N, C-alpha and C. Protein backbone atom coordinates (compact mmCIF):
# COMPACT_ATOMS: atom_id res chain seq x y z
N MET A 1 10.22 -127.05 -4.72
CA MET A 1 11.08 -127.66 -3.74
C MET A 1 9.86 -128.43 -2.90
N ALA A 2 10.72 -129.76 -2.25
CA ALA A 2 9.35 -130.82 -1.70
C ALA A 2 9.34 -130.11 -0.08
N THR A 3 8.54 -130.58 1.02
CA THR A 3 8.68 -130.61 2.03
C THR A 3 9.30 -131.29 2.86
N PRO A 4 10.41 -131.03 3.47
CA PRO A 4 10.57 -132.41 3.99
C PRO A 4 10.03 -133.14 5.15
N ASN A 5 10.12 -134.64 5.25
CA ASN A 5 9.19 -135.56 6.00
C ASN A 5 9.63 -135.75 7.24
N ASN A 6 9.24 -136.30 7.73
CA ASN A 6 9.31 -136.56 9.87
C ASN A 6 10.38 -137.05 9.76
N ASP A 7 11.24 -138.10 9.03
CA ASP A 7 12.08 -138.77 8.72
C ASP A 7 13.35 -137.82 9.28
N ASP A 8 13.02 -136.74 7.84
CA ASP A 8 14.32 -136.16 7.14
C ASP A 8 14.03 -134.96 8.50
N LEU A 9 13.49 -134.69 9.26
CA LEU A 9 13.43 -133.82 10.11
C LEU A 9 13.81 -134.19 11.44
N ASP A 10 13.45 -135.88 11.47
CA ASP A 10 14.37 -136.31 12.97
C ASP A 10 15.58 -136.69 12.44
N PHE A 11 16.08 -136.74 11.59
CA PHE A 11 17.58 -136.52 11.31
C PHE A 11 17.86 -136.02 11.41
N ALA A 12 18.05 -134.94 10.88
CA ALA A 12 18.56 -133.55 10.82
C ALA A 12 18.47 -133.11 12.61
N ALA A 13 17.79 -133.66 13.78
CA ALA A 13 17.46 -132.89 14.78
C ALA A 13 18.42 -134.16 15.54
N MET A 14 19.06 -134.87 15.23
CA MET A 14 19.26 -135.98 15.59
C MET A 14 21.28 -135.99 15.43
N MET A 15 21.05 -135.40 14.18
CA MET A 15 22.46 -134.96 13.55
C MET A 15 23.06 -133.81 14.44
N GLN A 16 22.14 -132.71 14.44
CA GLN A 16 22.34 -131.57 15.46
C GLN A 16 23.19 -132.04 16.78
N ASP A 17 21.77 -133.27 17.42
CA ASP A 17 22.02 -133.14 18.43
C ASP A 17 23.58 -133.93 19.00
N LYS A 18 24.59 -134.72 17.92
CA LYS A 18 25.55 -135.53 18.15
C LYS A 18 26.36 -134.30 17.73
N LEU A 19 26.41 -133.82 16.69
CA LEU A 19 26.89 -132.21 16.99
C LEU A 19 27.65 -131.51 17.92
N ARG A 20 26.53 -131.32 18.57
CA ARG A 20 26.71 -130.07 20.00
C ARG A 20 27.27 -131.10 20.99
N ASP A 21 27.14 -132.79 20.94
CA ASP A 21 27.38 -133.40 22.05
C ASP A 21 28.97 -133.45 21.55
N ASN A 22 29.77 -133.48 20.21
CA ASN A 22 30.91 -133.94 19.82
C ASN A 22 31.84 -133.18 19.97
N TYR A 23 31.01 -131.52 19.70
CA TYR A 23 31.61 -130.38 19.37
C TYR A 23 31.22 -129.15 19.83
N GLY A 24 30.52 -128.98 21.00
CA GLY A 24 30.03 -128.24 21.41
C GLY A 24 28.95 -127.76 20.91
N GLU A 25 28.59 -126.53 21.42
CA GLU A 25 27.16 -125.60 20.99
C GLU A 25 27.56 -124.73 19.74
N ASP A 26 28.63 -124.21 20.12
CA ASP A 26 29.06 -123.44 18.83
C ASP A 26 28.99 -124.09 17.77
N ALA A 27 29.35 -125.46 17.65
CA ALA A 27 29.54 -126.15 16.34
C ALA A 27 28.34 -125.90 15.44
N VAL A 28 27.38 -126.47 16.03
CA VAL A 28 26.02 -126.35 15.22
C VAL A 28 25.61 -124.88 14.71
N ASP A 29 25.89 -123.45 15.66
CA ASP A 29 25.69 -122.44 15.09
C ASP A 29 27.00 -121.57 14.23
N THR A 30 27.56 -122.13 14.14
CA THR A 30 28.40 -121.48 12.99
C THR A 30 28.53 -122.04 11.32
N SER A 31 27.75 -122.74 11.16
CA SER A 31 28.08 -123.33 9.82
C SER A 31 27.77 -122.05 8.73
N ASP A 32 26.64 -121.29 9.23
CA ASP A 32 25.60 -120.03 8.17
C ASP A 32 27.23 -119.22 8.50
N ARG A 33 27.68 -118.84 8.94
CA ARG A 33 28.96 -117.89 9.17
C ARG A 33 29.87 -118.62 8.32
N ALA A 34 30.69 -119.74 8.40
CA ALA A 34 31.49 -120.42 7.76
C ALA A 34 31.36 -120.03 6.22
N SER A 35 30.02 -120.90 6.07
CA SER A 35 29.90 -120.90 4.40
C SER A 35 29.90 -119.55 3.98
N ASP A 36 29.92 -118.40 4.48
CA ASP A 36 29.65 -116.92 4.03
C ASP A 36 31.45 -116.54 4.00
N GLU A 37 31.87 -117.04 4.72
CA GLU A 37 33.52 -116.33 4.55
C GLU A 37 34.23 -117.26 3.70
N ARG A 38 33.66 -118.47 3.18
CA ARG A 38 34.15 -119.48 2.44
C ARG A 38 33.88 -118.80 1.01
N LEU A 39 32.95 -118.37 1.06
CA LEU A 39 31.81 -117.79 -0.72
C LEU A 39 32.98 -116.46 -0.55
N LYS A 40 32.94 -115.64 0.02
CA LYS A 40 34.16 -114.68 0.05
C LYS A 40 34.97 -114.94 -0.38
N GLU A 41 35.73 -115.35 -0.06
CA GLU A 41 37.32 -115.95 -0.50
C GLU A 41 37.49 -116.49 -1.67
N MET A 42 36.16 -117.69 -1.92
CA MET A 42 36.14 -117.87 -3.11
C MET A 42 35.92 -116.83 -4.59
N ASN A 43 34.85 -115.93 -4.18
CA ASN A 43 34.50 -114.72 -4.92
C ASN A 43 35.63 -113.99 -5.26
N LYS A 44 36.43 -113.83 -4.27
CA LYS A 44 37.92 -113.13 -4.77
C LYS A 44 38.78 -113.82 -5.91
N LYS A 45 39.06 -115.13 -5.58
CA LYS A 45 40.01 -115.85 -6.23
C LYS A 45 39.25 -116.22 -7.86
N LEU A 46 38.44 -116.19 -8.22
CA LEU A 46 37.56 -116.15 -9.35
C LEU A 46 37.83 -114.95 -10.42
N PRO A 47 37.98 -115.20 -11.77
CA PRO A 47 37.64 -114.39 -12.58
C PRO A 47 36.62 -113.51 -12.76
N SER A 48 36.47 -112.38 -13.22
CA SER A 48 35.28 -111.53 -13.37
C SER A 48 34.49 -112.08 -14.72
N TRP A 49 33.56 -112.22 -14.89
CA TRP A 49 32.72 -113.19 -16.10
C TRP A 49 32.19 -111.87 -16.85
N ASN A 50 32.04 -112.52 -18.12
CA ASN A 50 31.41 -111.64 -19.09
C ASN A 50 30.66 -112.44 -20.05
N LEU A 51 28.83 -112.59 -19.90
CA LEU A 51 27.98 -113.13 -20.57
C LEU A 51 28.10 -112.95 -21.93
N GLU A 52 28.69 -111.66 -22.42
CA GLU A 52 28.19 -111.51 -23.45
C GLU A 52 28.69 -111.65 -24.68
N PRO A 53 28.46 -112.73 -25.68
CA PRO A 53 29.19 -113.30 -26.96
C PRO A 53 30.25 -112.35 -27.14
N PRO A 54 31.64 -113.05 -27.90
CA PRO A 54 32.27 -111.95 -28.42
C PRO A 54 31.68 -111.66 -29.61
N LEU A 55 32.30 -109.79 -30.11
CA LEU A 55 31.52 -109.48 -31.42
C LEU A 55 31.71 -110.38 -32.23
N LYS A 56 32.61 -111.51 -32.65
CA LYS A 56 33.13 -112.14 -33.87
C LYS A 56 32.18 -113.26 -33.85
N PHE A 57 32.06 -113.56 -32.55
CA PHE A 57 30.13 -114.75 -32.97
C PHE A 57 29.26 -113.91 -33.08
N LEU A 58 28.97 -112.75 -32.97
CA LEU A 58 27.71 -112.10 -33.78
C LEU A 58 27.59 -111.79 -35.38
N LYS A 59 28.87 -111.39 -35.44
CA LYS A 59 28.69 -111.02 -37.19
C LYS A 59 28.55 -112.50 -37.88
């Protein structure tokens, strides 16, 4: 994976500052927790996957 350049880091810092200004300190820090909760909910809804091909296919 490519390392972020200075412009990318400046943009990320600027966006975090804007989020803090608009939504308060908690808005920036809760992104990891929110994504974890969403992933758990999505996993509950997904069917169980079986990656083995059917026996009819193997014959």
